[in-house]
Each structure stands twice: as C-alpha cells, then as structure tokens.
N, C-alpha and C. Protein backbone atom coordinates (compact mmCIF):
# COMPACT_ATOMS: atom_id res chain seq x y z
N MET A 1 -11.86 230.53 -57.76
CA MET A 1 -11.52 229.91 -56.49
C MET A 1 -10.93 228.52 -56.75
N THR A 2 -9.85 228.22 -56.07
CA THR A 2 -9.19 226.93 -56.20
C THR A 2 -9.49 226.10 -54.96
N VAL A 3 -9.85 224.86 -55.18
CA VAL A 3 -10.14 223.94 -54.08
C VAL A 3 -9.10 222.83 -54.11
N ALA A 4 -8.43 222.63 -52.99
CA ALA A 4 -7.44 221.55 -52.90
C ALA A 4 -8.17 220.25 -52.55
N MET A 5 -7.84 219.22 -53.26
CA MET A 5 -8.47 217.91 -53.02
C MET A 5 -7.38 216.91 -52.63
N VAL A 6 -7.63 216.23 -51.54
CA VAL A 6 -6.72 215.18 -51.08
C VAL A 6 -7.57 213.93 -50.87
N SER A 7 -7.17 212.84 -51.47
CA SER A 7 -7.94 211.60 -51.35
C SER A 7 -7.82 211.01 -49.94
N ASP A 8 -8.71 210.10 -49.62
CA ASP A 8 -8.66 209.41 -48.33
C ASP A 8 -7.35 208.65 -48.18
N GLN A 9 -6.89 208.07 -49.27
CA GLN A 9 -5.63 207.33 -49.24
C GLN A 9 -4.45 208.25 -48.96
N GLU A 10 -4.45 209.43 -49.57
CA GLU A 10 -3.37 210.39 -49.32
C GLU A 10 -3.41 210.90 -47.88
N LEU A 11 -4.60 211.17 -47.37
CA LEU A 11 -4.73 211.60 -45.97
C LEU A 11 -4.25 210.51 -45.02
N THR A 12 -4.54 209.27 -45.35
CA THR A 12 -4.10 208.15 -44.51
C THR A 12 -2.58 208.08 -44.49
N MET A 13 -1.96 208.25 -45.65
CA MET A 13 -0.49 208.25 -45.71
C MET A 13 0.09 209.41 -44.89
N LEU A 14 -0.52 210.58 -44.98
CA LEU A 14 -0.08 211.72 -44.18
C LEU A 14 -0.24 211.43 -42.69
N TYR A 15 -1.35 210.78 -42.34
CA TYR A 15 -1.62 210.43 -40.94
C TYR A 15 -0.44 209.65 -40.35
N TYR A 16 -0.03 208.61 -41.05
CA TYR A 16 1.04 207.77 -40.53
C TYR A 16 2.41 208.40 -40.73
N ASN A 17 2.58 209.19 -41.76
CA ASN A 17 3.84 209.89 -41.98
C ASN A 17 4.12 210.88 -40.85
N CYS A 18 3.08 211.50 -40.34
CA CYS A 18 3.24 212.46 -39.23
C CYS A 18 3.67 211.79 -37.94
N LEU A 19 3.60 210.48 -37.88
CA LEU A 19 4.00 209.74 -36.69
C LEU A 19 5.44 209.22 -36.79
N ALA A 20 6.04 209.36 -37.96
CA ALA A 20 7.43 208.94 -38.17
C ALA A 20 8.36 209.93 -37.45
N PRO A 21 9.62 209.57 -37.21
CA PRO A 21 10.54 210.44 -36.45
C PRO A 21 10.58 211.91 -36.91
N HIS A 22 10.71 212.15 -38.21
CA HIS A 22 10.75 213.55 -38.67
C HIS A 22 9.37 214.18 -38.62
N GLY A 23 8.38 213.42 -38.97
CA GLY A 23 7.02 213.95 -39.00
C GLY A 23 6.49 214.34 -37.64
N ILE A 24 6.82 213.56 -36.63
CA ILE A 24 6.28 213.83 -35.30
C ILE A 24 6.82 215.14 -34.74
N LYS A 25 8.01 215.51 -35.15
CA LYS A 25 8.60 216.77 -34.68
C LYS A 25 8.10 217.97 -35.47
N LYS A 26 7.97 217.80 -36.78
CA LYS A 26 7.70 218.96 -37.64
C LYS A 26 6.26 219.04 -38.13
N PHE A 27 5.67 217.92 -38.52
CA PHE A 27 4.38 217.96 -39.19
C PHE A 27 3.22 217.62 -38.25
N HIS A 28 3.47 216.80 -37.26
CA HIS A 28 2.43 216.39 -36.30
C HIS A 28 1.76 217.61 -35.66
N PRO A 29 2.53 218.59 -35.16
CA PRO A 29 1.89 219.78 -34.57
C PRO A 29 1.04 220.56 -35.58
N LEU A 30 1.46 220.61 -36.83
CA LEU A 30 0.68 221.31 -37.85
C LEU A 30 -0.63 220.58 -38.13
N ALA A 31 -0.59 219.25 -38.13
CA ALA A 31 -1.81 218.46 -38.35
C ALA A 31 -2.83 218.77 -37.27
N GLU A 32 -2.36 218.92 -36.04
CA GLU A 32 -3.28 219.22 -34.94
C GLU A 32 -3.77 220.67 -35.02
N ASN A 33 -2.88 221.59 -35.30
CA ASN A 33 -3.27 223.01 -35.35
C ASN A 33 -4.26 223.32 -36.45
N TYR A 34 -4.15 222.61 -37.57
CA TYR A 34 -4.98 222.92 -38.73
C TYR A 34 -6.04 221.85 -39.03
N ALA A 35 -6.32 220.99 -38.06
CA ALA A 35 -7.36 219.96 -38.20
C ALA A 35 -7.24 219.23 -39.53
N LEU A 36 -6.05 218.75 -39.82
CA LEU A 36 -5.76 218.12 -41.10
C LEU A 36 -6.63 216.91 -41.39
N PHE A 37 -7.05 216.19 -40.37
CA PHE A 37 -7.79 214.95 -40.59
C PHE A 37 -9.30 215.12 -40.41
N ASP A 38 -9.76 216.33 -40.62
CA ASP A 38 -11.18 216.66 -40.51
C ASP A 38 -12.04 215.79 -41.45
N ASN A 39 -11.49 215.43 -42.60
CA ASN A 39 -12.25 214.66 -43.59
C ASN A 39 -11.76 213.22 -43.76
N LEU A 40 -10.93 212.76 -42.83
CA LEU A 40 -10.40 211.40 -42.93
C LEU A 40 -11.35 210.41 -42.26
N PRO A 41 -11.90 209.46 -43.02
CA PRO A 41 -12.76 208.45 -42.39
C PRO A 41 -11.93 207.55 -41.48
N MET A 42 -12.43 207.30 -40.29
CA MET A 42 -11.72 206.43 -39.33
C MET A 42 -11.47 205.05 -39.91
N CYS A 43 -12.35 204.60 -40.79
CA CYS A 43 -12.18 203.27 -41.37
C CYS A 43 -10.96 203.20 -42.29
N SER A 44 -10.36 204.35 -42.61
CA SER A 44 -9.15 204.37 -43.44
C SER A 44 -7.90 204.03 -42.64
N LEU A 45 -7.98 204.12 -41.32
CA LEU A 45 -6.82 203.80 -40.48
C LEU A 45 -6.59 202.29 -40.48
N ILE A 46 -5.35 201.90 -40.28
CA ILE A 46 -5.02 200.48 -40.22
C ILE A 46 -5.77 199.82 -39.06
N LYS A 47 -5.79 200.50 -37.92
CA LYS A 47 -6.55 200.05 -36.75
C LYS A 47 -7.24 201.26 -36.15
N LYS A 48 -8.48 201.11 -35.70
CA LYS A 48 -9.19 202.24 -35.11
C LYS A 48 -8.52 202.70 -33.81
N GLU A 49 -7.72 201.83 -33.20
CA GLU A 49 -6.99 202.19 -31.99
C GLU A 49 -5.90 203.22 -32.24
N HIS A 50 -5.60 203.51 -33.51
CA HIS A 50 -4.59 204.51 -33.86
C HIS A 50 -5.13 205.93 -33.76
N ALA A 51 -6.43 206.09 -33.72
CA ALA A 51 -7.05 207.43 -33.70
C ALA A 51 -6.54 208.30 -32.55
N PRO A 52 -6.36 207.78 -31.33
CA PRO A 52 -5.90 208.63 -30.22
C PRO A 52 -4.43 209.04 -30.29
N LEU A 53 -3.73 208.66 -31.34
CA LEU A 53 -2.32 209.06 -31.46
C LEU A 53 -2.18 210.56 -31.73
N TYR A 54 -3.29 211.21 -32.02
CA TYR A 54 -3.33 212.66 -32.22
C TYR A 54 -4.32 213.27 -31.23
N ASP A 55 -4.08 214.51 -30.90
CA ASP A 55 -5.03 215.27 -30.09
C ASP A 55 -6.32 215.42 -30.89
N ASN A 56 -7.44 215.58 -30.22
CA ASN A 56 -8.73 215.74 -30.90
C ASN A 56 -8.75 216.91 -31.88
N LYS A 57 -7.90 217.90 -31.67
CA LYS A 57 -7.85 219.06 -32.57
C LYS A 57 -7.53 218.63 -33.99
N ALA A 58 -6.72 217.59 -34.17
CA ALA A 58 -6.34 217.14 -35.51
C ALA A 58 -7.54 216.62 -36.29
N TRP A 59 -8.58 216.20 -35.57
CA TRP A 59 -9.77 215.63 -36.21
C TRP A 59 -10.81 216.70 -36.54
N GLY A 60 -10.63 217.92 -36.07
CA GLY A 60 -11.58 218.98 -36.37
C GLY A 60 -12.98 218.60 -35.95
N SER A 61 -13.92 218.73 -36.87
CA SER A 61 -15.31 218.39 -36.58
C SER A 61 -15.66 216.97 -37.03
N ASN A 62 -14.65 216.18 -37.33
CA ASN A 62 -14.83 214.80 -37.78
C ASN A 62 -15.49 213.99 -36.65
N PRO A 63 -16.67 213.43 -36.91
CA PRO A 63 -17.35 212.66 -35.85
C PRO A 63 -16.76 211.28 -35.62
N GLY A 64 -15.87 210.86 -36.52
CA GLY A 64 -15.27 209.53 -36.37
C GLY A 64 -15.97 208.60 -37.22
C-alpha cells in the first residue's frame, strides 16, 4: 500500500494556489469535492480570516 504524504507547507501553498486565476477555475472545485484541506492546520494560513474562502466541504472533517 502506498500512502501519499503532503506537508503542511505544501498544503498551504496549494490552498493559496487554488485561489489564483487559473486555480480558482480548475483546482478550487476539486479541492472542495475531495476535501483537500482535511489535514491542513488553520494556523498554517496567513490569516485565519482566509478559511471561509472555500466551502466547508474543502475542510472535510477538519475541526479547524
């Protein structure tokens, strides 16, 4: 079995990349559909006010 590992820093970069012009059209919906930020600590965001930039689905079971 192979397990994919993504660091908190890489997830943070993906978080903001999905908000860029190309990302918001193509990758942002995938992040929400697949709960990409399920393991992203909120403290990794530049500002905690950025969390609502995605639908709650993107956070999966992440309690924040």
